Amino acid sequence: RGIYMNILQLSKHMNDSGVNSHIIELSRLLTMYGHRVIVVSSGGTHVKELEKHNIKHYTIPLDTKNPLIQIKNIFLIIKIIKKEKIEIAHTHWRSTGILIKLASIFTGINFVWTNHLNNIPSNFLYRLFTFYGKYAITVSSDMVPLLNQKLNIPMNKIRIV
């Protein structure tokens, strides 16, 4: 039937948002196809939806701007990656992309980033701290110019779904 993976989905939170509806649906489908999906977020109302589909969730404070807590979060993510034998991570926010990039240095894990929004900030600092891993995924061809021209992501690293 194929190769099945342990996949980490990383989200700032699991509150009401289109991003989180996407994470739930993608996690549900990946699980249906035999993959094991783990979601890590700051928690929120949609954690119950994940549990309803038997998708494991870890709550860590990803929605903080406190640098000391964010450093601690990197080590918590590393611990989860090792404990759950994660093979690939999928991040859905630029801020969580920074965390998974740093965790990947210690674990060697591959990751991808899905950008769900057009017209996100793209000045020098934002470009510097946009980590997309193997691929930057976008939900619309309308967002390709943002990824390629404003964030300087090479076209061969951009995928549209």
Protein backbone atom coordinates (compact mmCIF):
# COMPACT_ATOMS: atom_id res chain seq x y z
CA ARG A 1 0.00 0.00 0.00
CA GLY A 2 2.94 2.35 0.11
CA ILE A 3 5.23 4.03 2.57
CA TYR A 4 3.62 5.55 5.63
CA MET A 5 5.13 8.42 7.57
CA ASN A 6 5.00 10.04 10.98
CA ILE A 7 4.09 13.65 10.15
CA LEU A 8 4.21 16.71 12.40
CA GLN A 9 1.80 19.56 11.68
CA LEU A 10 2.86 22.77 13.42
CA SER A 11 0.38 25.61 14.01
CA LYS A 12 0.50 28.70 16.21
CA HIS A 13 -2.91 27.82 17.64
CA MET A 14 -5.98 25.71 16.93
CA ASN A 15 -8.62 28.45 17.16
CA ASP A 16 -11.10 29.43 14.44
CA SER A 17 -9.24 30.16 11.20
CA GLY A 18 -9.08 28.91 7.65
CA VAL A 19 -5.52 27.74 8.32
CA ASN A 20 -6.69 25.47 11.11
CA SER A 21 -9.63 24.13 9.10
CA HIS A 22 -7.03 23.17 6.49
CA ILE A 23 -4.78 21.54 9.12
CA ILE A 24 -7.67 19.48 10.47
CA GLU A 25 -8.79 18.33 7.02
CA LEU A 26 -5.25 17.57 5.84
CA SER A 27 -4.46 15.69 9.05
CA ARG A 28 -7.70 13.73 8.78
CA LEU A 29 -6.98 12.73 5.17
CA LEU A 30 -3.35 11.83 5.85
CA THR A 31 -4.52 9.64 8.74
CA MET A 32 -7.14 8.05 6.50
CA TYR A 33 -4.34 7.12 4.06
CA GLY A 34 -2.44 5.40 6.86
CA HIS A 35 0.00 8.10 7.95
CA ARG A 36 0.41 9.00 11.61
CA VAL A 37 -0.16 12.71 12.20
CA ILE A 38 0.83 14.68 15.29
CA VAL A 39 -0.28 18.31 15.67
CA VAL A 40 1.58 20.77 17.88
CA SER A 41 0.02 24.13 18.73
CA SER A 42 -0.81 26.51 21.56
CA GLY A 43 -4.20 24.82 21.78
CA GLY A 44 -7.63 26.22 21.09
CA THR A 45 -11.20 25.23 20.36
CA HIS A 46 -10.30 22.99 17.40
CA VAL A 47 -8.18 20.59 19.46
CA LYS A 48 -11.45 18.71 20.13
CA GLU A 49 -11.91 18.25 16.39
CA LEU A 50 -8.44 16.69 16.13
CA GLU A 51 -9.18 14.36 19.04
CA LYS A 52 -12.47 13.36 17.40
CA HIS A 53 -10.39 12.05 14.48
CA ASN A 54 -7.86 10.34 16.81
CA ILE A 55 -5.13 12.83 15.90
CA LYS A 56 -2.65 13.33 18.73
CA HIS A 57 -2.11 16.93 19.84
CA TYR A 58 0.60 18.50 21.97
CA THR A 59 0.01 21.91 23.54
CA ILE A 60 3.03 24.17 23.86
CA PRO A 61 2.96 28.02 23.99
CA LEU A 62 3.78 28.76 20.35
CA ASP A 63 1.76 31.99 20.29
CA THR A 64 4.10 33.85 22.66
CA LYS A 65 6.62 36.51 21.68
CA ASN A 66 8.74 35.83 24.77
CA PRO A 67 12.17 34.77 23.43
CA LEU A 68 12.97 32.61 26.47
CA ILE A 69 9.76 30.63 26.05
CA GLN A 70 10.42 30.32 22.30
CA ILE A 71 13.87 28.86 23.01
CA LYS A 72 12.23 26.39 25.37
CA ASN A 73 9.69 25.62 22.61
CA ILE A 74 12.49 24.62 20.23
CA PHE A 75 13.66 21.98 22.71
CA LEU A 76 10.07 20.81 23.32
CA ILE A 77 9.60 20.39 19.55
CA ILE A 78 12.88 18.46 19.33
CA LYS A 79 11.69 16.19 22.14
CA ILE A 80 8.37 15.56 20.35
CA ILE A 81 10.16 14.86 17.04
CA LYS A 82 12.34 12.25 18.73
CA LYS A 83 9.59 10.72 20.89
CA GLU A 84 7.10 10.42 18.03
CA LYS A 85 9.76 9.44 15.45
CA ILE A 86 8.64 12.28 13.17
CA GLU A 87 9.91 11.97 9.60
CA ILE A 88 8.66 15.25 8.11
CA ALA A 89 7.15 18.44 9.49
CA HIS A 90 4.64 20.79 7.92
CA THR A 91 4.47 24.31 9.30
CA HIS A 92 1.68 26.73 8.51
CA TRP A 93 2.97 30.00 9.98
CA ARG A 94 6.17 31.91 9.39
CA SER A 95 6.80 32.11 13.17
CA THR A 96 6.55 28.33 13.56
CA GLY A 97 8.79 27.99 10.50
CA ILE A 98 11.58 29.61 12.49
CA LEU A 99 11.11 27.07 15.30
CA ILE A 100 11.06 24.03 13.01
CA LYS A 101 14.10 25.35 11.11
CA LEU A 102 16.06 25.52 14.36
CA ALA A 103 14.74 22.11 15.47
CA SER A 104 15.78 20.67 12.09
CA ILE A 105 19.40 21.70 12.75
CA PHE A 106 19.41 19.37 15.77
CA THR A 107 17.28 16.56 14.33
CA GLY A 108 17.92 16.59 10.58
CA ILE A 109 14.17 16.55 9.95
CA ASN A 110 12.87 17.83 6.61
CA PHE A 111 10.00 20.30 6.59
CA VAL A 112 7.76 22.30 4.30
CA TRP A 113 5.96 25.59 4.87
CA THR A 114 2.51 26.45 3.57
CA ASN A 115 1.81 30.13 3.13
CA HIS A 116 -1.94 30.69 3.39
CA LEU A 117 -2.00 34.49 3.02
CA ASN A 118 -1.14 36.96 0.31
CA ASN A 119 0.53 40.31 1.03
CA ILE A 120 2.38 39.21 4.14
CA PRO A 121 5.31 41.45 5.13
CA SER A 122 8.36 40.88 2.96
CA ASN A 123 11.01 43.43 3.95
CA PHE A 124 14.61 42.34 4.55
CA LEU A 125 14.06 40.97 8.07
CA TYR A 126 10.93 39.05 7.07
CA ARG A 127 12.78 37.54 4.08
CA LEU A 128 15.68 36.62 6.35
CA PHE A 129 13.37 34.81 8.79
CA THR A 130 11.18 33.01 6.25
CA PHE A 131 12.16 29.35 6.37
CA TYR A 132 10.37 27.05 3.96
CA GLY A 133 12.45 23.87 4.19
CA LYS A 134 12.21 21.59 1.16
CA TYR A 135 9.31 23.50 -0.39
CA ALA A 136 7.13 26.55 0.06
CA ILE A 137 3.56 25.51 -0.60
CA THR A 138 0.88 27.98 -1.54
CA VAL A 139 -2.84 27.58 -1.95
CA SER A 140 -3.14 29.80 -5.03
CA SER A 141 -1.10 30.75 -8.09
CA ASP A 142 -1.91 34.37 -7.16
CA MET A 143 0.57 34.02 -4.28
CA VAL A 144 3.53 32.85 -6.37
CA PRO A 145 4.80 36.42 -7.05
CA LEU A 146 4.85 37.09 -3.30
CA LEU A 147 6.85 33.94 -2.62
CA ASN A 148 9.20 34.26 -5.58
CA GLN A 149 9.68 37.99 -6.13
CA LYS A 150 9.14 39.44 -2.65
CA LEU A 151 10.43 36.60 -0.43
CA ASN A 152 13.07 35.44 -2.94
CA ILE A 153 12.02 31.79 -2.86
CA PRO A 154 13.24 30.05 -6.04
CA MET A 155 10.47 28.89 -8.42
CA ASN A 156 11.68 25.27 -8.21
CA LYS A 157 10.99 25.37 -4.44
CA ILE A 158 7.39 26.61 -4.80
CA ARG A 159 4.44 24.21 -5.06
CA ILE A 160 0.80 25.17 -5.63
CA VAL A 161 -1.97 23.02 -4.20
